[in-house]
Structure formats: structure tokens, C-alpha cells
PDB file of N, CA and C in Angstrom:
ATOM      1  N   UNK A   1     -17.221 -42.224  -1.303  1.00  0.00           N
ATOM      2  CA  UNK A   1     -17.970 -41.460  -2.265  1.00  0.00           C
ATOM      3  C   UNK A   1     -18.505 -40.168  -1.665  1.00  0.00           C
ATOM      4  N   UNK A   2     -18.491 -40.067  -0.343  1.00  0.00           N
ATOM      5  CA  UNK A   2     -18.926 -38.817   0.276  1.00  0.00           C
ATOM      6  C   UNK A   2     -17.975 -37.692  -0.104  1.00  0.00           C
ATOM      7  N   UNK A   3     -16.678 -38.014  -0.173  1.00  0.00           N
ATOM      8  CA  UNK A   3     -15.682 -37.018  -0.565  1.00  0.00           C
ATOM      9  C   UNK A   3     -15.940 -36.521  -1.984  1.00  0.00           C
ATOM     10  N   UNK A   4     -16.282 -37.435  -2.881  1.00  0.00           N
ATOM     11  CA  UNK A   4     -16.570 -37.039  -4.272  1.00  0.00           C
ATOM     12  C   UNK A   4     -17.829 -36.183  -4.329  1.00  0.00           C
ATOM     13  N   UNK A   5     -18.832 -36.547  -3.540  1.00  0.00           N
ATOM     14  CA  UNK A   5     -20.059 -35.737  -3.501  1.00  0.00           C
ATOM     15  C   UNK A   5     -19.766 -34.336  -2.988  1.00  0.00           C
ATOM     16  N   UNK A   6     -18.958 -34.260  -1.925  1.00  0.00           N
ATOM     17  CA  UNK A   6     -18.610 -32.940  -1.377  1.00  0.00           C
ATOM     18  C   UNK A   6     -17.828 -32.125  -2.399  1.00  0.00           C
ATOM     19  N   UNK A   7     -16.888 -32.769  -3.097  1.00  0.00           N
ATOM     20  CA  UNK A   7     -16.131 -32.086  -4.139  1.00  0.00           C
ATOM     21  C   UNK A   7     -17.061 -31.588  -5.244  1.00  0.00           C
ATOM     22  N   UNK A   8     -18.042 -32.402  -5.606  1.00  0.00           N
ATOM     23  CA  UNK A   8     -19.021 -31.988  -6.615  1.00  0.00           C
ATOM     24  C   UNK A   8     -19.815 -30.771  -6.168  1.00  0.00           C
ATOM     25  N   UNK A   9     -20.269 -30.775  -4.918  1.00  0.00           N
ATOM     26  CA  UNK A   9     -21.028 -29.623  -4.422  1.00  0.00           C
ATOM     27  C   UNK A   9     -20.151 -28.378  -4.333  1.00  0.00           C
ATOM     28  N   UNK A  10     -18.877 -28.545  -3.958  1.00  0.00           N
ATOM     29  CA  UNK A  10     -17.951 -27.401  -3.922  1.00  0.00           C
ATOM     30  C   UNK A  10     -17.760 -26.832  -5.330  1.00  0.00           C
ATOM     31  N   UNK A  11     -17.618 -27.713  -6.322  1.00  0.00           N
ATOM     32  CA  UNK A  11     -17.477 -27.237  -7.699  1.00  0.00           C
ATOM     33  C   UNK A  11     -18.742 -26.509  -8.160  1.00  0.00           C
ATOM     34  N   UNK A  12     -19.893 -27.020  -7.771  1.00  0.00           N
ATOM     35  CA  UNK A  12     -21.146 -26.347  -8.143  1.00  0.00           C
ATOM     36  C   UNK A  12     -21.192 -24.945  -7.543  1.00  0.00           C
ATOM     37  N   UNK A  13     -20.806 -24.816  -6.283  1.00  0.00           N
ATOM     38  CA  UNK A  13     -20.825 -23.500  -5.630  1.00  0.00           C
ATOM     39  C   UNK A  13     -19.807 -22.562  -6.271  1.00  0.00           C
ATOM     40  N   UNK A  14     -18.598 -23.064  -6.555  1.00  0.00           N
ATOM     41  CA  UNK A  14     -17.577 -22.229  -7.198  1.00  0.00           C
ATOM     42  C   UNK A  14     -18.047 -21.778  -8.586  1.00  0.00           C
ATOM     43  N   UNK A  15     -18.623 -22.696  -9.348  1.00  0.00           N
ATOM     44  CA  UNK A  15     -19.115 -22.341 -10.678  1.00  0.00           C
ATOM     45  C   UNK A  15     -20.259 -21.343 -10.619  1.00  0.00           C
ATOM     46  N   UNK A  16     -21.157 -21.530  -9.656  1.00  0.00           N
ATOM     47  CA  UNK A  16     -22.268 -20.591  -9.498  1.00  0.00           C
ATOM     48  C   UNK A  16     -21.747 -19.212  -9.113  1.00  0.00           C
ATOM     49  N   UNK A  17     -20.771 -19.184  -8.208  1.00  0.00           N
ATOM     50  CA  UNK A  17     -20.148 -17.908  -7.836  1.00  0.00           C
ATOM     51  C   UNK A  17     -19.518 -17.253  -9.065  1.00  0.00           C
ATOM     52  N   UNK A  18     -18.828 -18.040  -9.869  1.00  0.00           N
ATOM     53  CA  UNK A  18     -18.187 -17.495 -11.070  1.00  0.00           C
ATOM     54  C   UNK A  18     -19.188 -16.950 -12.064  1.00  0.00           C
ATOM     55  N   UNK A  19     -20.318 -17.623 -12.217  1.00  0.00           N
ATOM     56  CA  UNK A  19     -21.316 -17.146 -13.172  1.00  0.00           C
ATOM     57  C   UNK A  19     -22.018 -15.898 -12.694  1.00  0.00           C
ATOM     58  N   UNK A  20     -22.225 -15.782 -11.383  1.00  0.00           N
ATOM     59  CA  UNK A  20     -23.007 -14.657 -10.863  1.00  0.00           C
ATOM     60  C   UNK A  20     -22.178 -13.416 -10.568  1.00  0.00           C
ATOM     61  N   UNK A  21     -20.894 -13.558 -10.318  1.00  0.00           N
ATOM     62  CA  UNK A  21     -20.097 -12.399  -9.907  1.00  0.00           C
ATOM     63  C   UNK A  21     -19.192 -11.853 -10.997  1.00  0.00           C
ATOM     64  N   UNK A  22     -18.890 -12.640 -11.999  1.00  0.00           N
ATOM     65  CA  UNK A  22     -17.961 -12.181 -13.031  1.00  0.00           C
ATOM     66  C   UNK A  22     -18.702 -11.400 -14.118  1.00  0.00           C
ATOM     67  N   UNK A  23     -18.043 -10.407 -14.660  1.00  0.00           N
ATOM     68  CA  UNK A  23     -18.628  -9.591 -15.728  1.00  0.00           C
ATOM     69  C   UNK A  23     -18.104  -9.993 -17.101  1.00  0.00           C
ATOM     70  N   UNK A  24     -17.041 -10.773 -17.144  1.00  0.00           N
ATOM     71  CA  UNK A  24     -16.472 -11.231 -18.401  1.00  0.00           C
ATOM     72  C   UNK A  24     -17.237 -12.466 -18.881  1.00  0.00           C
ATOM     73  N   UNK A  25     -17.617 -12.465 -20.136  1.00  0.00           N
ATOM     74  CA  UNK A  25     -18.450 -13.553 -20.662  1.00  0.00           C
ATOM     75  C   UNK A  25     -17.688 -14.880 -20.667  1.00  0.00           C
ATOM     76  N   UNK A  26     -16.402 -14.851 -20.967  1.00  0.00           N
ATOM     77  CA  UNK A  26     -15.620 -16.096 -20.971  1.00  0.00           C
ATOM     78  C   UNK A  26     -15.552 -16.685 -19.559  1.00  0.00           C
ATOM     79  N   UNK A  27     -15.403 -15.842 -18.557  1.00  0.00           N
ATOM     80  CA  UNK A  27     -15.371 -16.331 -17.174  1.00  0.00           C
ATOM     81  C   UNK A  27     -16.718 -16.913 -16.767  1.00  0.00           C
ATOM     82  N   UNK A  28     -17.795 -16.340 -17.290  1.00  0.00           N
ATOM     83  CA  UNK A  28     -19.128 -16.889 -17.008  1.00  0.00           C
ATOM     84  C   UNK A  28     -19.282 -18.267 -17.651  1.00  0.00           C
ATOM     85  N   UNK A  29     -18.738 -18.431 -18.843  1.00  0.00           N
ATOM     86  CA  UNK A  29     -18.798 -19.730 -19.520  1.00  0.00           C
ATOM     87  C   UNK A  29     -17.959 -20.761 -18.758  1.00  0.00           C
ATOM     88  N   UNK A  30     -16.813 -20.329 -18.259  1.00  0.00           N
ATOM     89  CA  UNK A  30     -15.982 -21.236 -17.446  1.00  0.00           C
ATOM     90  C   UNK A  30     -16.745 -21.642 -16.185  1.00  0.00           C
ATOM     91  N   UNK A  31     -17.463 -20.703 -15.578  1.00  0.00           N
ATOM     92  CA  UNK A  31     -18.281 -21.023 -14.401  1.00  0.00           C
ATOM     93  C   UNK A  31     -19.345 -22.056 -14.720  1.00  0.00           C
ATOM     94  N   UNK A  32     -19.969 -21.932 -15.887  1.00  0.00           N
ATOM     95  CA  UNK A  32     -20.960 -22.930 -16.312  1.00  0.00           C
ATOM     96  C   UNK A  32     -20.321 -24.307 -16.442  1.00  0.00           C
ATOM     97  N   UNK A  33     -19.131 -24.352 -17.034  1.00  0.00           N
ATOM     98  CA  UNK A  33     -18.456 -25.642 -17.214  1.00  0.00           C
ATOM     99  C   UNK A  33     -18.089 -26.267 -15.869  1.00  0.00           C
ATOM    100  N   UNK A  34     -17.712 -25.423 -14.899  1.00  0.00           N
ATOM    101  CA  UNK A  34     -17.390 -25.939 -13.568  1.00  0.00           C
ATOM    102  C   UNK A  34     -18.643 -26.496 -12.897  1.00  0.00           C
ATOM    103  N   UNK A  35     -19.767 -25.795 -13.026  1.00  0.00           N
ATOM    104  CA  UNK A  35     -21.032 -26.317 -12.485  1.00  0.00           C
ATOM    105  C   UNK A  35     -21.373 -27.653 -13.136  1.00  0.00           C
ATOM    106  N   UNK A  36     -21.199 -27.722 -14.438  1.00  0.00           N
ATOM    107  CA  UNK A  36     -21.501 -28.952 -15.181  1.00  0.00           C
ATOM    108  C   UNK A  36     -20.674 -30.123 -14.649  1.00  0.00           C
ATOM    109  N   UNK A  37     -19.387 -29.891 -14.443  1.00  0.00           N
ATOM    110  CA  UNK A  37     -18.513 -30.946 -13.919  1.00  0.00           C
ATOM    111  C   UNK A  37     -18.921 -31.346 -12.502  1.00  0.00           C
ATOM    112  N   UNK A  38     -19.281 -30.374 -11.678  1.00  0.00           N
ATOM    113  CA  UNK A  38     -19.720 -30.680 -10.313  1.00  0.00           C
ATOM    114  C   UNK A  38     -20.972 -31.538 -10.293  1.00  0.00           C
ATOM    115  N   UNK A  39     -21.912 -31.231 -11.172  1.00  0.00           N
ATOM    116  CA  UNK A  39     -23.143 -32.031 -11.248  1.00  0.00           C
ATOM    117  C   UNK A  39     -22.821 -33.464 -11.677  1.00  0.00           C
ATOM    118  N   UNK A  40     -21.888 -33.606 -12.603  1.00  0.00           N
ATOM    119  CA  UNK A  40     -21.505 -34.961 -13.031  1.00  0.00           C
ATOM    120  C   UNK A  40     -20.925 -35.755 -11.863  1.00  0.00           C
ATOM    121  N   UNK A  41     -20.068 -35.118 -11.084  1.00  0.00           N
ATOM    122  CA  UNK A  41     -19.468 -35.811  -9.939  1.00  0.00           C
ATOM    123  C   UNK A  41     -20.527 -36.229  -8.928  1.00  0.00           C
ATOM    124  N   UNK A  42     -21.499 -35.358  -8.679  1.00  0.00           N
ATOM    125  CA  UNK A  42     -22.552 -35.697  -7.710  1.00  0.00           C
ATOM    126  C   UNK A  42     -23.388 -36.867  -8.215  1.00  0.00           C
ATOM    127  N   UNK A  43     -23.752 -36.865  -9.484  1.00  0.00           N
ATOM    128  CA  UNK A  43     -24.564 -37.955 -10.020  1.00  0.00           C
ATOM    129  C   UNK A  43     -23.801 -39.274  -9.977  1.00  0.00           C
ATOM    130  N   UNK A  44     -22.522 -39.256 -10.350  1.00  0.00           N
ATOM    131  CA  UNK A  44     -21.733 -40.499 -10.317  1.00  0.00           C
ATOM    132  C   UNK A  44     -21.587 -40.994  -8.885  1.00  0.00           C
ATOM    133  N   UNK A  45     -21.372 -40.085  -7.940  1.00  0.00           N
ATOM    134  CA  UNK A  45     -21.214 -40.517  -6.548  1.00  0.00           C
ATOM    135  C   UNK A  45     -22.510 -41.074  -5.981  1.00  0.00           C
ATOM    136  N   UNK A  46     -23.643 -40.555  -6.431  1.00  0.00           N
ATOM    137  CA  UNK A  46     -24.924 -41.099  -5.969  1.00  0.00           C
ATOM    138  C   UNK A  46     -25.141 -42.500  -6.537  1.00  0.00           C
ATOM    139  N   UNK A  47     -24.734 -42.722  -7.773  1.00  0.00           N
ATOM    140  CA  UNK A  47     -24.950 -44.014  -8.413  1.00  0.00           C
ATOM    141  C   UNK A  47     -23.982 -45.097  -7.985  1.00  0.00           C
ATOM    142  N   UNK A  48     -22.902 -44.706  -7.303  1.00  0.00           N
ATOM    143  CA  UNK A  48     -21.905 -45.695  -6.884  1.00  0.00           C
ATOM    144  C   UNK A  48     -22.424 -46.529  -5.717  1.00  0.00           C
ATOM    145  N   UNK A  49     -22.231 -47.826  -5.786  1.00  0.00           N
ATOM    146  CA  UNK A  49     -22.589 -48.721  -4.693  1.00  0.00           C
ATOM    147  C   UNK A  49     -21.352 -49.536  -4.340  1.00  0.00           C
ATOM    148  N   UNK A  50     -20.990 -49.534  -3.081  1.00  0.00           N
ATOM    149  CA  UNK A  50     -19.771 -50.190  -2.631  1.00  0.00           C
ATOM    150  C   UNK A  50     -19.872 -51.704  -2.798  1.00  0.00           C
ATOM    151  N   UNK A  51     -18.756 -52.324  -3.126  1.00  0.00           N
ATOM    152  CA  UNK A  51     -18.607 -53.783  -3.287  1.00  0.00           C
ATOM    153  C   UNK A  51     -19.454 -54.349  -4.417  1.00  0.00           C
ATOM    154  N   UNK A  52     -19.756 -53.538  -5.398  1.00  0.00           N
ATOM    155  CA  UNK A  52     -20.479 -54.046  -6.569  1.00  0.00           C
ATOM    156  C   UNK A  52     -19.600 -53.867  -7.792  1.00  0.00           C
ATOM    157  N   UNK A  53     -19.950 -54.553  -8.846  1.00  0.00           N
ATOM    158  CA  UNK A  53     -19.133 -54.547 -10.058  1.00  0.00           C
ATOM    159  C   UNK A  53     -19.873 -53.891 -11.211  1.00  0.00           C
ATOM    160  N   UNK A  54     -19.189 -53.761 -12.331  1.00  0.00           N
ATOM    161  CA  UNK A  54     -19.791 -53.153 -13.517  1.00  0.00           C
ATOM    162  C   UNK A  54     -20.949 -54.017 -14.017  1.00  0.00           C
ATOM    163  N   UNK A  55     -21.945 -53.408 -14.635  1.00  0.00           N
ATOM    164  CA  UNK A  55     -23.118 -54.176 -15.082  1.00  0.00           C
ATOM    165  C   UNK A  55     -22.862 -54.937 -16.379  1.00  0.00           C
ATOM    166  N   UNK A  56     -21.917 -55.835 -16.324  1.00  0.00           N
ATOM    167  CA  UNK A  56     -21.591 -56.684 -17.476  1.00  0.00           C
ATOM    168  C   UNK A  56     -21.778 -58.126 -17.038  1.00  0.00           C
ATOM    169  N   UNK A  57     -22.678 -58.816 -17.693  1.00  0.00           N
ATOM    170  CA  UNK A  57     -22.944 -60.206 -17.340  1.00  0.00           C
ATOM    171  C   UNK A  57     -21.951 -61.098 -18.079  1.00  0.00           C
ATOM    172  N   UNK A  58     -21.044 -61.704 -17.318  1.00  0.00           N
ATOM    173  CA  UNK A  58     -20.077 -62.639 -17.888  1.00  0.00           C
ATOM    174  C   UNK A  58     -19.839 -63.741 -16.864  1.00  0.00           C
ATOM    175  N   UNK A  59     -18.716 -64.417 -16.951  1.00  0.00           N
ATOM    176  CA  UNK A  59     -18.445 -65.528 -16.042  1.00  0.00           C
ATOM    177  C   UNK A  59     -18.266 -65.060 -14.598  1.00  0.00           C
ATOM    178  N   UNK A  60     -17.880 -63.836 -14.376  1.00  0.00           N
ATOM    179  CA  UNK A  60     -17.654 -63.339 -13.017  1.00  0.00           C
ATOM    180  C   UNK A  60     -18.955 -63.062 -12.271  1.00  0.00           C
ATOM    181  N   UNK A  61     -20.048 -62.814 -12.992  1.00  0.00           N
ATOM    182  CA  UNK A  61     -21.332 -62.503 -12.370  1.00  0.00           C
ATOM    183  C   UNK A  61     -22.367 -63.499 -12.868  1.00  0.00           C
ATOM    184  N   UNK A  62     -22.965 -64.202 -11.930  1.00  0.00           N
ATOM    185  CA  UNK A  62     -24.022 -65.136 -12.306  1.00  0.00           C
ATOM    186  C   UNK A  62     -25.313 -64.371 -12.550  1.00  0.00           C
ATOM    187  N   UNK A  63     -26.099 -64.846 -13.494  1.00  0.00           N
ATOM    188  CA  UNK A  63     -27.340 -64.158 -13.833  1.00  0.00           C
ATOM    189  C   UNK A  63     -28.325 -64.156 -12.669  1.00  0.00           C
ATOM    190  N   UNK A  64     -28.319 -65.193 -11.856  1.00  0.00           N
ATOM    191  CA  UNK A  64     -29.273 -65.275 -10.748  1.00  0.00           C
ATOM    192  C   UNK A  64     -28.987 -64.245  -9.668  1.00  0.00           C
ATOM    193  N   UNK A  65     -27.728 -63.912  -9.458  1.00  0.00           N
ATOM    194  CA  UNK A  65     -27.370 -62.944  -8.408  1.00  0.00           C
ATOM    195  C   UNK A  65     -26.932 -61.600  -8.978  1.00  0.00           C
ATOM    196  N   UNK A  66     -27.175 -61.370 -10.236  1.00  0.00           N
ATOM    197  CA  UNK A  66     -26.688 -60.145 -10.871  1.00  0.00           C
ATOM    198  C   UNK A  66     -27.311 -58.883 -10.259  1.00  0.00           C
ATOM    199  N   UNK A  67     -28.569 -58.975  -9.835  1.00  0.00           N
ATOM    200  CA  UNK A  67     -29.238 -57.795  -9.280  1.00  0.00           C
ATOM    201  C   UNK A  67     -28.542 -57.307  -8.018  1.00  0.00           C
ATOM    202  N   UNK A  68     -28.035 -58.228  -7.202  1.00  0.00           N
ATOM    203  CA  UNK A  68     -27.370 -57.839  -5.955  1.00  0.00           C
ATOM    204  C   UNK A  68     -25.895 -57.522  -6.140  1.00  0.00           C
ATOM    205  N   UNK A  69     -25.310 -57.868  -7.289  1.00  0.00           N
ATOM    206  CA  UNK A  69     -23.859 -57.738  -7.444  1.00  0.00           C
ATOM    207  C   UNK A  69     -23.404 -56.644  -8.407  1.00  0.00           C
ATOM    208  N   UNK A  70     -24.300 -56.085  -9.200  1.00  0.00           N
ATOM    209  CA  UNK A  70     -23.869 -55.083 -10.180  1.00  0.00           C
ATOM    210  C   UNK A  70     -24.411 -53.704  -9.812  1.00  0.00           C
ATOM    211  N   UNK A  71     -23.751 -52.714 -10.347  1.00  0.00           N
ATOM    212  CA  UNK A  71     -24.134 -51.317 -10.131  1.00  0.00           C
ATOM    213  C   UNK A  71     -25.198 -50.937 -11.152  1.00  0.00           C
ATOM    214  N   UNK A  72     -26.101 -50.053 -10.761  1.00  0.00           N
ATOM    215  CA  UNK A  72     -27.120 -49.554 -11.678  1.00  0.00           C
ATOM    216  C   UNK A  72     -26.433 -48.710 -12.763  1.00  0.00           C
ATOM    217  N   UNK A  73     -26.603 -49.062 -14.037  1.00  0.00           N
ATOM    218  CA  UNK A  73     -25.911 -48.316 -15.097  1.00  0.00           C
ATOM    219  C   UNK A  73     -26.579 -47.002 -15.480  1.00  0.00           C
ATOM    220  N   UNK A  74     -27.762 -46.734 -14.968  1.00  0.00           N
ATOM    221  CA  UNK A  74     -28.489 -45.529 -15.386  1.00  0.00           C
ATOM    222  C   UNK A  74     -27.748 -44.237 -15.021  1.00  0.00           C
ATOM    223  N   UNK A  75     -27.233 -44.063 -13.781  1.00  0.00           N
ATOM    224  CA  UNK A  75     -26.503 -42.812 -13.490  1.00  0.00           C
ATOM    225  C   UNK A  75     -25.288 -42.610 -14.383  1.00  0.00           C
ATOM    226  N   UNK A  76     -24.565 -43.660 -14.681  1.00  0.00           N
ATOM    227  CA  UNK A  76     -23.402 -43.525 -15.568  1.00  0.00           C
ATOM    228  C   UNK A  76     -23.829 -43.134 -16.973  1.00  0.00           C
ATOM    229  N   UNK A  77     -24.912 -43.723 -17.448  1.00  0.00           N
ATOM    230  CA  UNK A  77     -25.410 -43.368 -18.780  1.00  0.00           C
ATOM    231  C   UNK A  77     -25.897 -41.924 -18.810  1.00  0.00           C
ATOM    232  N   UNK A  78     -26.546 -41.491 -17.727  1.00  0.00           N
ATOM    233  CA  UNK A  78     -26.995 -40.097 -17.663  1.00  0.00           C
ATOM    234  C   UNK A  78     -25.817 -39.136 -17.691  1.00  0.00           C
ATOM    235  N   UNK A  79     -24.749 -39.485 -16.965  1.00  0.00           N
ATOM    236  CA  UNK A  79     -23.574 -38.605 -16.930  1.00  0.00           C
ATOM    237  C   UNK A  79     -22.908 -38.548 -18.302  1.00  0.00           C
ATOM    238  N   UNK A  80     -22.822 -39.673 -18.985  1.00  0.00           N
ATOM    239  CA  UNK A  80     -22.236 -39.648 -20.329  1.00  0.00           C
ATOM    240  C   UNK A  80     -23.059 -38.763 -21.261  1.00  0.00           C
ATOM    241  N   UNK A  81     -24.363 -38.864 -21.163  1.00  0.00           N
ATOM    242  CA  UNK A  81     -25.220 -38.000 -21.982  1.00  0.00           C
ATOM    243  C   UNK A  81     -25.057 -36.536 -21.582  1.00  0.00           C
ATOM    244  N   UNK A  82     -24.973 -36.286 -20.272  1.00  0.00           N
ATOM    245  CA  UNK A  82     -24.817 -34.906 -19.794  1.00  0.00           C
ATOM    246  C   UNK A  82     -23.479 -34.313 -20.210  1.00  0.00           C
ATOM    247  N   UNK A  83     -22.444 -35.132 -20.291  1.00  0.00           N
ATOM    248  CA  UNK A  83     -21.133 -34.632 -20.745  1.00  0.00           C
ATOM    249  C   UNK A  83     -21.233 -34.151 -22.184  1.00  0.00           C
ATOM    250  N   UNK A  84     -21.889 -34.922 -23.022  1.00  0.00           N
ATOM    251  CA  UNK A  84     -22.028 -34.546 -24.432  1.00  0.00           C
ATOM    252  C   UNK A  84     -22.870 -33.277 -24.560  1.00  0.00           C
ATOM    253  N   UNK A  85     -23.981 -33.217 -23.836  1.00  0.00           N
ATOM    254  CA  UNK A  85     -24.841 -32.035 -23.900  1.00  0.00           C
ATOM    255  C   UNK A  85     -24.111 -30.812 -23.354  1.00  0.00           C
ATOM    256  N   UNK A  86     -23.386 -30.984 -22.240  1.00  0.00           N
ATOM    257  CA  UNK A  86     -22.625 -29.872 -21.668  1.00  0.00           C
ATOM    258  C   UNK A  86     -21.555 -29.357 -22.613  1.00  0.00           C
ATOM    259  N   UNK A  87     -20.903 -30.273 -23.308  1.00  0.00           N
ATOM    260  CA  UNK A  87     -19.895 -29.866 -24.286  1.00  0.00           C
ATOM    261  C   UNK A  87     -20.531 -29.073 -25.421  1.00  0.00           C
ATOM    262  N   UNK A  88     -21.681 -29.521 -25.897  1.00  0.00           N
ATOM    263  CA  UNK A  88     -22.367 -28.809 -26.976  1.00  0.00           C
ATOM    264  C   UNK A  88     -22.824 -27.428 -26.524  1.00  0.00           C
ATOM    265  N   UNK A  89     -23.362 -27.338 -25.309  1.00  0.00           N
ATOM    266  CA  UNK A  89     -23.820 -26.041 -24.798  1.00  0.00           C
ATOM    267  C   UNK A  89     -22.638 -25.093 -24.611  1.00  0.00           C
ATOM    268  N   UNK A  90     -21.522 -25.607 -24.103  1.00  0.00           N
ATOM    269  CA  UNK A  90     -20.332 -24.773 -23.933  1.00  0.00           C
ATOM    270  C   UNK A  90     -19.818 -24.284 -25.279  1.00  0.00           C
ATOM    271  N   UNK A  91     -19.790 -25.156 -26.271  1.00  0.00           N
ATOM    272  CA  UNK A  91     -19.350 -24.741 -27.608  1.00  0.00           C
ATOM    273  C   UNK A  91     -20.272 -23.667 -28.176  1.00  0.00           C
ATOM    274  N   UNK A  92     -21.574 -23.822 -27.978  1.00  0.00           N
ATOM    275  CA  UNK A  92     -22.527 -22.823 -28.461  1.00  0.00           C
ATOM    276  C   UNK A  92     -22.325 -21.482 -27.755  1.00  0.00           C
ATOM    277  N   UNK A  93     -22.092 -21.514 -26.449  1.00  0.00           N
ATOM    278  CA  UNK A  93     -21.850 -20.274 -25.707  1.00  0.00           C
ATOM    279  C   UNK A  93     -20.565 -19.607 -26.181  1.00  0.00           C
ATOM    280  N   UNK A  94     -19.526 -20.385 -26.477  1.00  0.00           N
ATOM    281  CA  UNK A  94     -18.279 -19.805 -26.966  1.00  0.00           C
ATOM    282  C   UNK A  94     -18.468 -19.179 -28.352  1.00  0.00           C
ATOM    283  N   UNK A  95     -19.272 -19.805 -29.191  1.00  0.00           N
ATOM    284  CA  UNK A  95     -19.559 -19.219 -30.507  1.00  0.00           C
ATOM    285  C   UNK A  95     -20.282 -17.884 -30.343  1.00  0.00           C
ATOM    286  N   UNK A  96     -21.255 -17.823 -29.432  1.00  0.00           N
ATOM    287  CA  UNK A  96     -21.939 -16.554 -29.166  1.00  0.00           C
ATOM    288  C   UNK A  96     -20.965 -15.517 -28.624  1.00  0.00           C
ATOM    289  N   UNK A  97     -20.058 -15.942 -27.750  1.00  0.00           N
ATOM    290  CA  UNK A  97     -19.078 -14.993 -27.188  1.00  0.00           C
ATOM    291  C   UNK A  97     -18.177 -14.443 -28.280  1.00  0.00           C
ATOM    292  N   UNK A  98     -17.746 -15.283 -29.190  1.00  0.00           N
ATOM    293  CA  UNK A  98     -16.897 -14.810 -30.299  1.00  0.00           C
ATOM    294  C   UNK A  98     -17.665 -13.832 -31.176  1.00  0.00           C
ATOM    295  N   UNK A  99     -18.915 -14.148 -31.469  1.00  0.00           N
ATOM    296  CA  UNK A  99     -19.721 -13.245 -32.293  1.00  0.00           C
ATOM    297  C   UNK A  99     -19.976 -11.924 -31.589  1.00  0.00           C
ATOM    298  N   UNK A 100     -20.215 -11.969 -30.287  1.00  0.00           N
ATOM    299  CA  UNK A 100     -20.414 -10.735 -29.529  1.00  0.00           C
ATOM    300  C   UNK A 100     -19.132  -9.915 -29.500  1.00  0.00           C
ATOM    301  N   UNK A 101     -17.990 -10.573 -29.395  1.00  0.00           N
ATOM    302  CA  UNK A 101     -16.722  -9.854 -29.406  1.00  0.00           C
ATOM    303  C   UNK A 101     -16.481  -9.213 -30.773  1.00  0.00           C
ATOM    304  N   UNK A 102     -16.817  -9.912 -31.843  1.00  0.00           N
ATOM    305  CA  UNK A 102     -16.645  -9.332 -33.177  1.00  0.00           C
ATOM    306  C   UNK A 102     -17.533  -8.104 -33.366  1.00  0.00           C
ATOM    307  N   UNK A 103     -18.704  -8.103 -32.745  1.00  0.00           N
ATOM    308  CA  UNK A 103     -19.643  -7.004 -32.914  1.00  0.00           C
ATOM    309  C   UNK A 103     -19.277  -5.791 -32.057  1.00  0.00           C
ATOM    310  N   UNK A 104     -18.904  -6.005 -30.794  1.00  0.00           N
ATOM    311  CA  UNK A 104     -18.658  -4.904 -29.860  1.00  0.00           C
ATOM    312  C   UNK A 104     -17.197  -4.725 -29.468  1.00  0.00           C
ATOM    313  N   UNK A 105     -16.328  -5.656 -29.835  1.00  0.00           N
ATOM    314  CA  UNK A 105     -14.910  -5.632 -29.449  1.00  0.00           C
ATOM    315  C   UNK A 105     -14.738  -5.619 -27.929  1.00  0.00           C
ATOM    316  N   UNK A 106     -15.628  -6.295 -27.232  1.00  0.00           N
ATOM    317  CA  UNK A 106     -15.550  -6.373 -25.778  1.00  0.00           C
ATOM    318  C   UNK A 106     -16.223  -7.658 -25.317  1.00  0.00           C
ATOM    319  N   UNK A 107     -15.752  -8.188 -24.204  1.00  0.00           N
ATOM    320  CA  UNK A 107     -16.382  -9.365 -23.602  1.00  0.00           C
ATOM    321  C   UNK A 107     -16.993  -9.036 -22.241  1.00  0.00           C
ATOM    322  N   UNK A 108     -17.025  -7.749 -21.893  1.00  0.00           N
ATOM    323  CA  UNK A 108     -17.633  -7.333 -20.635  1.00  0.00           C
ATOM    324  C   UNK A 108     -19.149  -7.264 -20.808  1.00  0.00           C
ATOM    325  N   UNK A 109     -19.884  -7.878 -19.904  1.00  0.00           N
ATOM    326  CA  UNK A 109     -21.338  -7.970 -20.033  1.00  0.00           C
ATOM    327  C   UNK A 109     -21.989  -6.596 -19.931  1.00  0.00           C
ATOM    328  N   UNK A 110     -21.342  -5.621 -19.283  1.00  0.00           N
ATOM    329  CA  UNK A 110     -21.918  -4.284 -19.134  1.00  0.00           C
ATOM    330  C   UNK A 110     -21.930  -3.512 -20.460  1.00  0.00           C
ATOM    331  N   UNK A 111     -21.134  -3.948 -21.430  1.00  0.00           N
ATOM    332  CA  UNK A 111     -21.097  -3.270 -22.728  1.00  0.00           C
ATOM    333  C   UNK A 111     -22.244  -3.686 -23.637  1.00  0.00           C
ATOM    334  N   UNK A 112     -23.047  -4.631 -23.216  1.00  0.00           N
ATOM    335  CA  UNK A 112     -24.143  -5.131 -24.046  1.00  0.00           C
ATOM    336  C   UNK A 112     -25.469  -4.697 -23.425  1.00  0.00           C
ATOM    337  N   UNK A 113     -25.774  -3.423 -23.567  1.00  0.00           N
ATOM    338  CA  UNK A 113     -27.000  -2.871 -22.978  1.00  0.00           C
ATOM    339  C   UNK A 113     -28.250  -3.374 -23.703  1.00  0.00           C
ATOM    340  N   UNK A 114     -28.154  -3.656 -24.991  1.00  0.00           N
ATOM    341  CA  UNK A 114     -29.339  -4.043 -25.748  1.00  0.00           C
ATOM    342  C   UNK A 114     -29.825  -5.443 -25.369  1.00  0.00           C
ATOM    343  N   UNK A 115     -29.003  -6.229 -24.666  1.00  0.00           N
ATOM    344  CA  UNK A 115     -29.410  -7.565 -24.262  1.00  0.00           C
ATOM    345  C   UNK A 115     -30.141  -7.574 -22.923  1.00  0.00           C
ATOM    346  N   UNK A 116     -30.188  -6.422 -22.258  1.00  0.00           N
ATOM    347  CA  UNK A 116     -30.860  -6.372 -20.946  1.00  0.00           C
ATOM    348  C   UNK A 116     -32.301  -5.958 -21.116  1.00  0.00           C
ATOM    349  N   UNK A 117     -33.150  -6.441 -20.259  1.00  0.00           N
ATOM    350  CA  UNK A 117     -34.552  -6.040 -20.304  1.00  0.00           C
ATOM    351  C   UNK A 117     -34.901  -5.168 -19.141  1.00  0.00           C
TER     352      UNK A 117
END
């Protein structure tokens, strides 16, 4: 799981680089999505415990020893929720990008002076 954690951190850095250095709005949105995926990988890798099974109580896992034999389901549930939220945020950003393109006929962030403070 260390490899997955490292891959997650690499994706976070690549996505952050993409968001901070690119001037195209679509590329910035892609950078956000890459960061989102990297965070998911890090959370899943943190929640993974070696030699444990899914948190489903059935004949394979006795109730008395379930605490020592199953994985904590909270990180997986958080990642599933984060995937849905990330998808919604990405869709919202793409809608804004389309509307900005319709208004200015450009996706370069430098063409939107009125959005800067």
C-alpha cells in the first residue's frame, strides 16, 4: 500500500502543478480531477489493513473476532462519498467553463479580467 500512497501523492502534485501553471480553464479542471483521484488513492491506502477481510459478517467471520479480522469501512465510505462530490464539482466547473466560453469565445484565464480582484 506504500506504492499506492506514493502514487496518490504523485497524482496530487501533478494535479496541483496543472492547476497552478496552466492558463487554459479546461486544463485547470483536469488538474482538479487529478488531485481528486490522488486524494482518493491516499485515503484508500491509509484505510487498508493487511490480512483483513471486507466488513461483512457472515460464516467466514465470527462475530467475536470480527474486530480483529475486518477492515474499517469508514475510509471506503468516505472515498465513495468523495467520488460523488468530486464528480459533481467537476461537472459544475465544466458548466461554468462552457458558459465562459460562450460569453468570451476563449478558455484562456487571462481573457477574463473582470474575474480578478
